[in-house]
N, C-alpha and C. Protein backbone atom coordinates (compact mmCIF):
# COMPACT_ATOMS: atom_id res chain seq x y z
N MET A 1 37.38 7.44 13.24
CA MET A 1 36.54 6.32 12.87
C MET A 1 35.15 6.42 13.49
N LYS A 2 35.03 6.98 14.68
CA LYS A 2 33.74 7.05 15.36
C LYS A 2 32.70 7.84 14.56
N PRO A 3 33.06 9.01 13.99
CA PRO A 3 32.05 9.74 13.22
C PRO A 3 31.53 8.92 12.02
N MET A 4 32.42 8.16 11.40
CA MET A 4 32.02 7.35 10.25
C MET A 4 31.04 6.26 10.68
N ARG A 5 31.28 5.64 11.82
CA ARG A 5 30.39 4.60 12.32
C ARG A 5 29.02 5.19 12.64
N SER A 6 29.00 6.38 13.18
CA SER A 6 27.74 7.06 13.50
C SER A 6 26.92 7.30 12.23
N VAL A 7 27.59 7.66 11.17
CA VAL A 7 26.92 7.88 9.89
C VAL A 7 26.29 6.59 9.39
N PHE A 8 27.03 5.49 9.48
CA PHE A 8 26.49 4.21 9.03
C PHE A 8 25.30 3.77 9.87
N VAL A 9 25.37 3.98 11.17
CA VAL A 9 24.26 3.63 12.06
C VAL A 9 23.03 4.47 11.69
N PHE A 10 23.23 5.75 11.47
CA PHE A 10 22.13 6.64 11.08
C PHE A 10 21.49 6.18 9.76
N ILE A 11 22.30 5.87 8.79
CA ILE A 11 21.78 5.42 7.48
C ILE A 11 21.03 4.10 7.64
N PHE A 12 21.56 3.18 8.42
CA PHE A 12 20.91 1.89 8.63
C PHE A 12 19.52 2.07 9.22
N PHE A 13 19.40 2.85 10.29
CA PHE A 13 18.10 3.04 10.93
C PHE A 13 17.15 3.87 10.07
N SER A 14 17.68 4.77 9.27
CA SER A 14 16.85 5.54 8.35
C SER A 14 16.22 4.63 7.30
N CYS A 15 17.00 3.68 6.81
CA CYS A 15 16.47 2.72 5.84
C CYS A 15 15.39 1.86 6.45
N LEU A 16 15.58 1.42 7.67
CA LEU A 16 14.56 0.61 8.34
C LEU A 16 13.27 1.39 8.52
N LEU A 17 13.38 2.64 8.93
CA LEU A 17 12.21 3.48 9.13
C LEU A 17 11.50 3.74 7.81
N THR A 18 12.25 4.01 6.77
CA THR A 18 11.67 4.27 5.46
C THR A 18 10.90 3.07 4.96
N ASN A 19 11.44 1.87 5.11
CA ASN A 19 10.76 0.66 4.66
C ASN A 19 9.45 0.45 5.39
N SER A 20 9.42 0.73 6.69
CA SER A 20 8.19 0.50 7.43
C SER A 20 7.12 1.53 7.08
N VAL A 21 7.53 2.72 6.68
CA VAL A 21 6.56 3.76 6.35
C VAL A 21 5.91 3.51 4.99
N ILE A 22 6.66 2.99 4.03
CA ILE A 22 6.11 2.84 2.70
C ILE A 22 5.66 1.42 2.37
N ALA A 23 5.70 0.55 3.33
CA ALA A 23 5.21 -0.81 3.11
C ALA A 23 3.70 -0.78 2.92
N GLN A 24 3.19 -1.72 2.21
CA GLN A 24 1.77 -1.75 1.88
C GLN A 24 1.02 -2.75 2.76
N LYS A 25 0.97 -2.46 4.04
CA LYS A 25 0.19 -3.27 4.98
C LYS A 25 -1.16 -2.59 5.11
N ILE A 26 -2.20 -3.32 4.72
CA ILE A 26 -3.54 -2.75 4.57
C ILE A 26 -4.52 -3.39 5.55
N PHE A 27 -5.41 -2.55 6.06
CA PHE A 27 -6.51 -3.04 6.89
C PHE A 27 -7.80 -2.43 6.36
N ALA A 28 -8.81 -3.27 6.16
CA ALA A 28 -10.11 -2.79 5.68
C ALA A 28 -11.00 -2.48 6.87
N VAL A 29 -11.40 -1.23 6.99
CA VAL A 29 -12.24 -0.78 8.10
C VAL A 29 -13.72 -0.90 7.75
N LYS A 30 -14.57 -0.82 8.77
CA LYS A 30 -16.01 -0.98 8.58
C LYS A 30 -16.71 0.31 8.18
N TYR A 31 -16.11 1.45 8.52
CA TYR A 31 -16.75 2.74 8.27
C TYR A 31 -15.83 3.66 7.48
N ALA A 32 -16.38 4.40 6.55
CA ALA A 32 -15.61 5.31 5.70
C ALA A 32 -14.84 6.34 6.52
N SER A 33 -15.43 6.79 7.61
CA SER A 33 -14.79 7.81 8.45
C SER A 33 -13.50 7.33 9.11
N GLN A 34 -13.31 6.02 9.20
CA GLN A 34 -12.11 5.45 9.81
C GLN A 34 -10.98 5.26 8.80
N SER A 35 -11.26 5.45 7.54
CA SER A 35 -10.29 5.09 6.50
C SER A 35 -9.37 6.23 6.11
N ASP A 36 -8.24 5.83 5.53
CA ASP A 36 -7.31 6.78 4.91
C ASP A 36 -7.66 6.95 3.44
N VAL A 37 -8.15 5.87 2.82
CA VAL A 37 -8.44 5.86 1.39
C VAL A 37 -9.71 5.06 1.13
N LYS A 38 -10.55 5.59 0.25
CA LYS A 38 -11.75 4.87 -0.18
C LYS A 38 -11.42 4.16 -1.49
N VAL A 39 -11.68 2.85 -1.52
CA VAL A 39 -11.22 2.00 -2.63
C VAL A 39 -12.39 1.28 -3.29
N PHE A 40 -12.30 1.18 -4.61
CA PHE A 40 -13.29 0.44 -5.38
C PHE A 40 -12.55 -0.56 -6.26
N VAL A 41 -13.05 -1.79 -6.32
CA VAL A 41 -12.45 -2.82 -7.16
C VAL A 41 -13.18 -2.81 -8.50
N VAL A 42 -12.45 -2.53 -9.57
CA VAL A 42 -13.04 -2.46 -10.91
C VAL A 42 -13.06 -3.84 -11.56
N LYS A 43 -13.89 -3.98 -12.58
CA LYS A 43 -14.03 -5.27 -13.27
C LYS A 43 -12.93 -5.53 -14.29
N TYR A 44 -12.36 -4.45 -14.81
CA TYR A 44 -11.37 -4.59 -15.88
C TYR A 44 -10.07 -3.87 -15.52
N GLU A 45 -8.98 -4.47 -15.88
CA GLU A 45 -7.65 -3.92 -15.60
C GLU A 45 -7.49 -2.51 -16.17
N SER A 46 -8.05 -2.27 -17.33
CA SER A 46 -7.92 -0.96 -17.98
C SER A 46 -8.59 0.18 -17.21
N GLN A 47 -9.48 -0.14 -16.28
CA GLN A 47 -10.18 0.88 -15.50
C GLN A 47 -9.43 1.26 -14.22
N ALA A 48 -8.41 0.52 -13.87
CA ALA A 48 -7.74 0.66 -12.57
C ALA A 48 -6.69 1.77 -12.54
N ASP A 49 -6.54 2.33 -11.34
CA ASP A 49 -5.44 3.25 -11.05
C ASP A 49 -4.22 2.45 -10.61
N LEU A 50 -4.50 1.34 -9.92
CA LEU A 50 -3.44 0.50 -9.35
C LEU A 50 -3.78 -0.97 -9.54
N LEU A 51 -2.79 -1.74 -9.98
CA LEU A 51 -2.93 -3.19 -10.08
C LEU A 51 -2.36 -3.78 -8.80
N VAL A 52 -3.18 -4.53 -8.07
CA VAL A 52 -2.79 -5.03 -6.75
C VAL A 52 -2.61 -6.54 -6.76
N TYR A 53 -1.54 -6.98 -6.11
CA TYR A 53 -1.31 -8.40 -5.88
C TYR A 53 -1.31 -8.62 -4.38
N LYS A 54 -2.12 -9.57 -3.91
CA LYS A 54 -2.18 -9.89 -2.49
C LYS A 54 -1.05 -10.86 -2.15
N VAL A 55 -0.17 -10.43 -1.25
CA VAL A 55 0.94 -11.29 -0.83
C VAL A 55 0.55 -12.07 0.42
N LYS A 56 1.25 -13.18 0.67
CA LYS A 56 0.93 -14.04 1.81
C LYS A 56 1.59 -13.59 3.10
N TYR A 57 2.71 -12.89 2.98
CA TYR A 57 3.47 -12.49 4.16
C TYR A 57 3.77 -10.99 4.12
N ALA A 58 3.78 -10.35 5.29
CA ALA A 58 4.05 -8.92 5.38
C ALA A 58 5.41 -8.55 4.81
N SER A 59 6.37 -9.46 4.92
CA SER A 59 7.72 -9.19 4.43
C SER A 59 7.80 -9.11 2.91
N GLU A 60 6.76 -9.53 2.22
CA GLU A 60 6.75 -9.51 0.75
C GLU A 60 6.23 -8.20 0.17
N THR A 61 5.77 -7.29 1.02
CA THR A 61 5.23 -6.04 0.52
C THR A 61 6.33 -5.22 -0.13
N GLY A 62 5.93 -4.38 -1.04
CA GLY A 62 6.90 -3.56 -1.76
C GLY A 62 6.85 -2.11 -1.33
N ASN A 63 7.57 -1.30 -2.04
CA ASN A 63 7.64 0.13 -1.77
C ASN A 63 6.59 0.87 -2.58
N ASN A 64 5.34 0.70 -2.17
CA ASN A 64 4.21 1.34 -2.85
C ASN A 64 4.14 0.89 -4.31
N GLN A 65 4.29 -0.40 -4.52
CA GLN A 65 4.28 -0.98 -5.86
C GLN A 65 3.09 -1.89 -6.11
N GLY A 66 2.10 -1.85 -5.25
CA GLY A 66 0.89 -2.63 -5.48
C GLY A 66 0.88 -4.02 -4.86
N LYS A 67 1.85 -4.34 -4.04
CA LYS A 67 1.87 -5.62 -3.34
C LYS A 67 1.32 -5.38 -1.94
N TRP A 68 0.12 -5.87 -1.69
CA TRP A 68 -0.58 -5.60 -0.44
C TRP A 68 -0.63 -6.82 0.45
N PHE A 69 -0.45 -6.57 1.74
CA PHE A 69 -0.65 -7.59 2.76
C PHE A 69 -1.78 -7.09 3.64
N PHE A 70 -2.84 -7.87 3.77
CA PHE A 70 -3.97 -7.48 4.60
C PHE A 70 -3.74 -7.94 6.03
N THR A 71 -3.69 -6.98 6.95
CA THR A 71 -3.42 -7.27 8.35
C THR A 71 -4.68 -7.68 9.08
N GLU A 72 -4.49 -8.33 10.21
CA GLU A 72 -5.61 -8.79 11.02
C GLU A 72 -6.15 -7.66 11.91
N TYR A 73 -5.27 -6.72 12.26
CA TYR A 73 -5.65 -5.62 13.14
C TYR A 73 -5.27 -4.28 12.53
N ALA A 74 -6.06 -3.27 12.80
CA ALA A 74 -5.82 -1.92 12.27
C ALA A 74 -4.48 -1.37 12.72
N SER A 75 -4.08 -1.68 13.94
CA SER A 75 -2.82 -1.16 14.48
C SER A 75 -1.58 -1.69 13.75
N GLN A 76 -1.73 -2.78 13.02
CA GLN A 76 -0.61 -3.36 12.27
C GLN A 76 -0.47 -2.75 10.87
N ALA A 77 -1.47 -2.03 10.43
CA ALA A 77 -1.51 -1.53 9.06
C ALA A 77 -0.85 -0.17 8.90
N ASN A 78 -0.34 0.06 7.70
CA ASN A 78 0.18 1.38 7.34
C ASN A 78 -0.94 2.24 6.77
N LYS A 79 -1.90 1.60 6.13
CA LYS A 79 -3.04 2.32 5.55
C LYS A 79 -4.33 1.57 5.85
N LYS A 80 -5.37 2.34 6.14
CA LYS A 80 -6.69 1.77 6.37
C LYS A 80 -7.56 2.15 5.18
N ILE A 81 -8.19 1.14 4.60
CA ILE A 81 -9.03 1.40 3.43
C ILE A 81 -10.49 1.07 3.75
N PHE A 82 -11.36 1.66 2.96
CA PHE A 82 -12.78 1.38 3.05
C PHE A 82 -13.25 1.01 1.65
N TRP A 83 -13.91 -0.15 1.54
CA TRP A 83 -14.43 -0.60 0.25
C TRP A 83 -15.74 0.13 -0.03
N VAL A 84 -15.77 0.92 -1.08
CA VAL A 84 -17.00 1.63 -1.45
C VAL A 84 -17.81 0.80 -2.43
N ASP A 85 -19.11 1.09 -2.50
CA ASP A 85 -20.01 0.34 -3.36
C ASP A 85 -20.06 0.85 -4.80
N TYR A 86 -19.68 2.12 -4.98
CA TYR A 86 -19.78 2.72 -6.30
C TYR A 86 -18.45 3.36 -6.70
N GLU A 87 -18.12 3.24 -7.95
CA GLU A 87 -16.87 3.77 -8.49
C GLU A 87 -16.75 5.27 -8.24
N SER A 88 -17.85 5.99 -8.32
CA SER A 88 -17.83 7.44 -8.14
C SER A 88 -17.46 7.86 -6.71
N GLN A 89 -17.57 6.96 -5.75
CA GLN A 89 -17.23 7.26 -4.36
C GLN A 89 -15.74 7.05 -4.06
N ALA A 90 -15.05 6.41 -4.97
CA ALA A 90 -13.67 5.98 -4.71
C ALA A 90 -12.64 7.06 -4.96
N GLN A 91 -11.62 7.03 -4.11
CA GLN A 91 -10.43 7.85 -4.35
C GLN A 91 -9.43 7.05 -5.18
N LEU A 92 -9.51 5.72 -5.04
CA LEU A 92 -8.56 4.84 -5.70
C LEU A 92 -9.30 3.63 -6.27
N LYS A 93 -9.07 3.36 -7.55
CA LYS A 93 -9.67 2.19 -8.20
C LYS A 93 -8.58 1.14 -8.40
N ILE A 94 -8.87 -0.07 -7.93
CA ILE A 94 -7.86 -1.13 -8.03
C ILE A 94 -8.42 -2.33 -8.81
N TYR A 95 -7.48 -3.13 -9.27
CA TYR A 95 -7.79 -4.40 -9.93
C TYR A 95 -6.81 -5.42 -9.38
N PHE A 96 -7.33 -6.55 -8.91
CA PHE A 96 -6.46 -7.60 -8.37
C PHE A 96 -5.88 -8.44 -9.51
N VAL A 97 -4.56 -8.59 -9.50
CA VAL A 97 -3.87 -9.36 -10.54
C VAL A 97 -3.39 -10.69 -9.96
N PRO A 98 -3.25 -11.72 -10.80
CA PRO A 98 -2.87 -13.04 -10.31
C PRO A 98 -1.37 -13.25 -10.08
N TYR A 99 -0.55 -12.33 -10.56
CA TYR A 99 0.90 -12.48 -10.45
C TYR A 99 1.54 -11.21 -9.89
N ALA A 100 2.51 -11.37 -9.01
CA ALA A 100 3.20 -10.24 -8.40
C ALA A 100 3.88 -9.35 -9.44
N SER A 101 4.36 -9.94 -10.50
CA SER A 101 5.07 -9.18 -11.53
C SER A 101 4.17 -8.20 -12.27
N ARG A 102 2.87 -8.39 -12.19
CA ARG A 102 1.93 -7.49 -12.88
C ARG A 102 1.46 -6.34 -12.00
N ALA A 103 1.79 -6.38 -10.71
CA ALA A 103 1.36 -5.33 -9.78
C ALA A 103 2.08 -4.02 -10.08
N GLY A 104 1.37 -2.92 -9.87
CA GLY A 104 2.00 -1.60 -10.05
C GLY A 104 0.99 -0.53 -10.40
N TRP A 105 1.49 0.68 -10.46
CA TRP A 105 0.64 1.84 -10.72
C TRP A 105 0.39 2.04 -12.21
N LYS A 106 -0.85 2.23 -12.56
CA LYS A 106 -1.21 2.61 -13.92
C LYS A 106 -1.38 4.12 -14.00
N LYS A 107 -1.72 4.73 -12.86
CA LYS A 107 -1.84 6.19 -12.76
C LYS A 107 -0.96 6.67 -11.61
N PRO A 108 0.31 6.91 -11.88
CA PRO A 108 1.26 7.28 -10.83
C PRO A 108 0.89 8.55 -10.07
N GLU A 109 0.06 9.39 -10.65
CA GLU A 109 -0.34 10.63 -9.97
C GLU A 109 -1.17 10.37 -8.71
N LYS A 110 -1.61 9.14 -8.53
CA LYS A 110 -2.40 8.79 -7.33
C LYS A 110 -1.55 8.08 -6.26
N LYS A 111 -0.25 7.96 -6.51
CA LYS A 111 0.64 7.28 -5.56
C LYS A 111 0.60 7.89 -4.16
N HIS A 112 0.39 9.18 -4.11
CA HIS A 112 0.39 9.88 -2.81
C HIS A 112 -0.68 9.34 -1.86
N LEU A 113 -1.71 8.71 -2.38
CA LEU A 113 -2.79 8.19 -1.53
C LEU A 113 -2.30 7.10 -0.59
N LEU A 114 -1.25 6.39 -0.97
CA LEU A 114 -0.77 5.28 -0.16
C LEU A 114 0.56 5.54 0.53
N TYR A 115 1.03 6.79 0.51
CA TYR A 115 2.25 7.13 1.26
C TYR A 115 1.87 7.54 2.66
């Protein structure tokens, strides 16, 4: 029985670690050199790579599904972003949606930017 319990403990902690790594806790930095991703907010949904919904609590974030929680401190974030002024400077173009059900990737090939 002991080996089986060890397996369950390992799986449990692996799941906890995986969730914390892929959660979308975001911090906006002041300088591009401090960021992981340069982001531009587009005017139209059709221009976006990712549709983002801002959640109220960190526990509501998803598994890289566009539900973002903006942290107060950089140390709390999984990803640091920098808001660029021009679309051509961006690695990722986002559009903020009013409902959580609309959040998600429109261009899945850019998912790696937030892992």
